[in-house]
């Protein structure tokens, strides 16, 4: 934040240009993220609809009253393929982050949207576990919290960079603990993971927003428009992951199970 004010002070007559460029950059970040969220939501809803049926004819398993898995649902949720569906988004993120330097901005945007679709496939099981009403309610709560935290990260004069290392270490710990709990299946551990997850990704939302703002200022000075385009997509990916993770952890508290 201090760097932003320093650059504005040094810019003189270019202050308005810097502010306009930053607004356009943030609009692209939020716009790209929003499209990704829409792709995820539609993909998740569509896959869940194809995976479940109320007609027992040809169904492979019953999962509730008048609710059955189709052959697609059985393949995605009960066969060994479920592990690929579960971990594909994580592998996608690592590959995307490692390869973005070799991509054009247009290619990176297409890959991001493809990732959003893969994430939708991975999240489709929530429609089998939680009621639609509770999913919508949790989404609205997450949206309000996310908007507030992101606004704080954008406007605060406090430097949040010191939180970065701590929060990222927390994410690594969450991933390890979540993988362990797949096999341990401890309800107490799941509750602790959910509480920490909400807190960590709430902090990351504010931190990542400020980081996107700072990164723009650093790159705008160099005038590399191609890299600015890719920076906007990576910023959208960061905020997208913050939102999705905060939503999933909140769903453990607010979601009503079928």
Protein backbone atom coordinates (compact mmCIF):
# COMPACT_ATOMS: atom_id res chain seq x y z
CA UNK A 1 0.00 0.00 0.00
CA UNK A 2 2.85 2.34 0.82
CA UNK A 3 4.39 1.57 -2.57
CA UNK A 4 1.13 2.50 -4.28
CA UNK A 5 1.01 5.89 -2.56
CA UNK A 6 4.69 6.51 -3.36
CA UNK A 7 4.21 5.79 -7.06
CA UNK A 8 1.15 8.04 -7.18
CA UNK A 9 3.04 10.84 -5.48
CA UNK A 10 5.93 10.55 -7.93
CA UNK A 11 3.69 10.32 -10.96
CA UNK A 12 2.35 13.85 -10.74
CA UNK A 13 0.16 14.42 -13.77
CA UNK A 14 0.11 10.66 -14.47
CA UNK A 15 -1.75 9.93 -11.24
CA UNK A 16 -5.11 9.75 -13.01
CA UNK A 17 -3.62 7.43 -15.62
CA UNK A 18 -2.25 5.10 -12.95
CA UNK A 19 -5.58 5.00 -11.13
CA UNK A 20 -7.48 4.36 -14.35
CA UNK A 21 -5.11 1.56 -15.34
CA UNK A 22 -5.43 -0.06 -11.92
CA UNK A 23 -9.22 0.07 -12.06
CA UNK A 24 -9.19 -1.55 -15.50
CA UNK A 25 -6.80 -4.24 -14.25
CA UNK A 26 -8.92 -5.04 -11.19
CA UNK A 27 -12.08 -5.10 -13.32
CA UNK A 28 -10.42 -7.69 -15.56
CA UNK A 29 -9.37 -9.74 -12.52
CA UNK A 30 -12.87 -9.76 -11.02
CA UNK A 31 -14.50 -10.25 -14.41
CA UNK A 32 -12.34 -13.26 -15.25
CA UNK A 33 -12.91 -14.71 -11.80
CA UNK A 34 -16.69 -14.24 -12.12
CA UNK A 35 -16.81 -16.04 -15.46
CA UNK A 36 -14.77 -18.86 -13.94
CA UNK A 37 -17.23 -19.08 -11.03
CA UNK A 38 -20.16 -19.24 -13.46
CA UNK A 39 -18.48 -22.03 -15.45
CA UNK A 40 -17.83 -23.96 -12.23
CA UNK A 41 -21.41 -23.56 -11.00
CA UNK A 42 -22.99 -24.60 -14.32
CA UNK A 43 -20.63 -27.55 -14.77
CA UNK A 44 -21.18 -28.76 -11.21
CA UNK A 45 -24.98 -28.48 -11.52
CA UNK A 46 -25.05 -30.17 -14.94
CA UNK A 47 -22.82 -33.09 -13.89
CA UNK A 48 -24.85 -33.64 -10.72
CA UNK A 49 -28.02 -33.70 -12.81
CA UNK A 50 -26.57 -36.37 -15.11
CA UNK A 51 -25.18 -38.39 -12.20
CA UNK A 52 -28.43 -38.74 -10.27
CA UNK A 53 -31.85 -40.02 -11.28
CA UNK A 54 -35.18 -40.74 -9.59
CA UNK A 55 -35.79 -43.70 -11.92
CA UNK A 56 -34.39 -46.96 -10.48
CA UNK A 57 -34.39 -48.58 -13.92
CA UNK A 58 -30.79 -48.99 -14.97
CA UNK A 59 -29.51 -47.27 -11.82
CA UNK A 60 -26.36 -48.63 -10.22
CA UNK A 61 -26.92 -47.63 -6.58
CA UNK A 62 -29.46 -45.96 -4.32
CA UNK A 63 -28.14 -43.00 -2.32
CA UNK A 64 -31.37 -41.67 -0.84
CA UNK A 65 -35.13 -41.83 -0.92
CA UNK A 66 -36.05 -42.06 -4.62
CA UNK A 67 -32.50 -41.00 -5.51
CA UNK A 68 -30.19 -43.25 -7.52
CA UNK A 69 -26.80 -43.01 -9.17
CA UNK A 70 -26.63 -43.36 -12.92
CA UNK A 71 -23.72 -45.16 -14.55
CA UNK A 72 -21.98 -41.79 -14.93
CA UNK A 73 -22.53 -41.02 -11.25
CA UNK A 74 -21.17 -44.40 -10.21
CA UNK A 75 -18.07 -43.88 -12.35
CA UNK A 76 -17.39 -40.42 -10.94
CA UNK A 77 -18.24 -40.97 -7.27
CA UNK A 78 -17.72 -44.67 -6.48
CA UNK A 79 -15.14 -46.05 -8.91
CA UNK A 80 -11.35 -45.48 -8.67
CA UNK A 81 -11.94 -42.55 -11.06
CA UNK A 82 -13.16 -40.60 -8.03
CA UNK A 83 -9.54 -40.07 -6.94
CA UNK A 84 -8.69 -38.45 -10.26
CA UNK A 85 -11.80 -36.27 -10.04
CA UNK A 86 -10.88 -35.30 -6.49
CA UNK A 87 -7.26 -34.35 -7.09
CA UNK A 88 -7.43 -33.13 -10.71
CA UNK A 89 -8.01 -29.45 -9.74
CA UNK A 90 -4.93 -29.46 -7.49
CA UNK A 91 -2.76 -30.96 -10.23
CA UNK A 92 -4.26 -28.50 -12.71
CA UNK A 93 -3.30 -25.53 -10.53
CA UNK A 94 0.29 -26.71 -10.13
CA UNK A 95 0.64 -27.31 -13.86
CA UNK A 96 -0.97 -23.98 -14.75
CA UNK A 97 1.27 -22.03 -12.37
CA UNK A 98 4.38 -23.77 -13.67
CA UNK A 99 3.54 -23.28 -17.34
CA UNK A 100 1.99 -19.82 -17.51
CA UNK A 101 5.29 -18.16 -18.44
CA UNK A 102 5.27 -20.16 -21.69
CA UNK A 103 1.65 -19.26 -22.52
CA UNK A 104 0.16 -16.22 -24.17
CA UNK A 105 -2.41 -14.26 -22.18
CA UNK A 106 -5.20 -15.63 -24.40
CA UNK A 107 -4.05 -19.22 -23.87
CA UNK A 108 -3.74 -18.67 -20.11
CA UNK A 109 -7.32 -17.38 -19.99
CA UNK A 110 -8.60 -20.43 -21.90
CA UNK A 111 -6.70 -22.75 -19.55
CA UNK A 112 -8.20 -20.95 -16.55
CA UNK A 113 -11.71 -21.51 -17.88
CA UNK A 114 -10.88 -25.17 -18.51
CA UNK A 115 -9.67 -25.42 -14.91
CA UNK A 116 -12.95 -23.88 -13.73
CA UNK A 117 -14.84 -26.62 -15.57
CA UNK A 118 -12.66 -29.32 -13.98
CA UNK A 119 -13.31 -27.76 -10.58
CA UNK A 120 -17.03 -27.89 -11.33
CA UNK A 121 -16.75 -31.62 -11.98
CA UNK A 122 -14.88 -32.10 -8.71
CA UNK A 123 -17.45 -30.09 -6.72
CA UNK A 124 -20.53 -31.66 -8.29
CA UNK A 125 -20.88 -34.10 -5.39
CA UNK A 126 -22.04 -31.30 -3.08
CA UNK A 127 -25.44 -31.46 -4.82
CA UNK A 128 -25.70 -35.09 -3.68
CA UNK A 129 -24.73 -34.31 -0.09
CA UNK A 130 -26.30 -30.93 0.70
CA UNK A 131 -29.69 -29.42 -0.03
CA UNK A 132 -29.90 -26.92 -2.87
CA UNK A 133 -31.25 -24.23 -0.55
CA UNK A 134 -28.31 -24.52 1.85
CA UNK A 135 -25.84 -24.43 -1.06
CA UNK A 136 -27.38 -21.18 -2.33
CA UNK A 137 -27.48 -19.69 1.17
CA UNK A 138 -23.83 -20.56 1.81
CA UNK A 139 -22.87 -19.13 -1.59
CA UNK A 140 -24.54 -15.82 -0.72
CA UNK A 141 -22.85 -15.70 2.69
CA UNK A 142 -19.49 -16.45 1.08
CA UNK A 143 -20.07 -13.76 -1.56
CA UNK A 144 -20.74 -11.11 1.10
CA UNK A 145 -17.73 -12.14 3.18
CA UNK A 146 -15.49 -12.33 0.10
CA UNK A 147 -16.55 -8.89 -1.16
CA UNK A 148 -15.94 -7.33 2.25
CA UNK A 149 -12.52 -8.94 2.69
CA UNK A 150 -11.41 -8.11 -0.84
CA UNK A 151 -12.51 -4.50 -0.41
CA UNK A 152 -10.51 -4.34 2.80
CA UNK A 153 -7.44 -5.72 1.04
CA UNK A 154 -7.81 -3.18 -1.75
CA UNK A 155 -8.35 -0.10 0.44
CA UNK A 156 -6.33 -0.75 3.60
CA UNK A 157 -3.15 1.22 4.17
CA UNK A 158 -1.76 -1.62 6.27
CA UNK A 159 0.90 -3.75 4.57
CA UNK A 160 -0.43 -7.33 4.56
CA UNK A 161 2.65 -8.90 2.93
CA UNK A 162 3.89 -10.21 6.28
CA UNK A 163 0.83 -12.47 6.43
CA UNK A 164 1.67 -14.16 3.14
CA UNK A 165 4.18 -16.76 4.30
CA UNK A 166 2.14 -17.62 7.38
CA UNK A 167 -1.07 -18.09 5.39
CA UNK A 168 0.57 -20.15 2.64
CA UNK A 169 2.10 -22.43 5.26
CA UNK A 170 -1.39 -22.75 6.70
CA UNK A 171 -2.73 -23.84 3.30
CA UNK A 172 -0.04 -26.51 3.01
CA UNK A 173 -0.96 -27.75 6.46
CA UNK A 174 -4.65 -27.83 5.51
CA UNK A 175 -3.93 -29.90 2.39
CA UNK A 176 -1.88 -32.42 4.35
CA UNK A 177 -4.44 -32.63 7.15
CA UNK A 178 -7.31 -33.04 4.66
CA UNK A 179 -5.54 -35.88 2.86
CA UNK A 180 -4.85 -37.61 6.17
CA UNK A 181 -8.47 -37.20 7.24
CA UNK A 182 -9.68 -38.91 4.06
CA UNK A 183 -8.30 -42.11 5.56
CA UNK A 184 -8.77 -41.30 9.27
CA UNK A 185 -12.32 -39.93 8.88
CA UNK A 186 -12.24 -38.05 12.18
CA UNK A 187 -15.19 -35.69 12.71
CA UNK A 188 -13.23 -33.64 15.28
CA UNK A 189 -10.35 -33.24 12.84
CA UNK A 190 -12.77 -32.31 10.06
CA UNK A 191 -14.31 -29.61 12.26
CA UNK A 192 -10.89 -28.18 13.15
CA UNK A 193 -9.87 -28.19 9.47
CA UNK A 194 -13.06 -26.34 8.51
CA UNK A 195 -12.58 -23.65 11.17
CA UNK A 196 -8.95 -23.08 10.23
CA UNK A 197 -9.83 -23.20 6.54
CA UNK A 198 -12.36 -20.37 6.83
CA UNK A 199 -9.89 -18.21 8.78
CA UNK A 200 -6.94 -18.90 6.46
CA UNK A 201 -8.81 -18.22 3.22
CA UNK A 202 -10.46 -15.14 4.71
CA UNK A 203 -6.98 -13.79 5.36
CA UNK A 204 -5.78 -14.87 1.91
CA UNK A 205 -8.64 -13.00 0.24
CA UNK A 206 -7.47 -9.69 1.69
CA UNK A 207 -3.79 -10.55 1.17
CA UNK A 208 -4.20 -11.66 -2.44
CA UNK A 209 -6.25 -8.58 -3.34
CA UNK A 210 -3.52 -6.29 -2.04
CA UNK A 211 -0.87 -8.39 -3.78
CA UNK A 212 -2.70 -8.12 -7.12
CA UNK A 213 -2.79 -4.36 -6.69
CA UNK A 214 0.91 -4.18 -5.84
CA UNK A 215 1.88 -6.50 -8.69
CA UNK A 216 0.03 -4.29 -11.17
CA UNK A 217 1.99 -1.24 -10.05
CA UNK A 218 5.30 -3.05 -10.38
CA UNK A 219 4.51 -4.37 -13.86
CA UNK A 220 2.83 -1.20 -15.11
CA UNK A 221 6.11 0.63 -14.59
CA UNK A 222 7.77 -1.81 -17.01
CA UNK A 223 4.94 -1.43 -19.50
CA UNK A 224 4.75 -5.14 -20.35
CA UNK A 225 1.11 -5.43 -21.46
CA UNK A 226 1.34 -9.14 -22.27
CA UNK A 227 2.56 -9.95 -18.79
CA UNK A 228 -0.06 -7.63 -17.27
CA UNK A 229 -2.69 -9.69 -19.06
CA UNK A 230 -1.32 -12.90 -17.58
CA UNK A 231 -1.00 -11.25 -14.17
CA UNK A 232 -4.72 -10.45 -14.27
CA UNK A 233 -5.51 -14.11 -14.97
CA UNK A 234 -3.25 -15.34 -12.18
CA UNK A 235 -4.87 -12.80 -9.87
CA UNK A 236 -8.29 -14.11 -10.89
CA UNK A 237 -7.10 -17.65 -10.17
CA UNK A 238 -5.90 -16.67 -6.69
CA UNK A 239 -9.16 -14.98 -5.75
CA UNK A 240 -11.19 -17.77 -7.36
CA UNK A 241 -9.41 -20.35 -5.18
CA UNK A 242 -9.89 -18.18 -2.09
CA UNK A 243 -13.63 -17.98 -2.78
CA UNK A 244 -14.09 -21.68 -3.59
CA UNK A 245 -12.20 -22.83 -0.52
CA UNK A 246 -13.97 -20.40 1.81
CA UNK A 247 -17.31 -21.56 0.34
CA UNK A 248 -16.48 -25.24 0.84
CA UNK A 249 -15.34 -24.78 4.43
CA UNK A 250 -18.38 -22.65 5.28
CA UNK A 251 -20.62 -25.29 3.70
CA UNK A 252 -19.49 -27.70 6.41
CA UNK A 253 -21.10 -25.35 8.98
CA UNK A 254 -24.05 -23.90 7.10
CA UNK A 255 -24.98 -26.75 4.76
CA UNK A 256 -27.99 -28.95 5.49
CA UNK A 257 -27.32 -32.53 4.44
CA UNK A 258 -29.70 -34.51 2.26
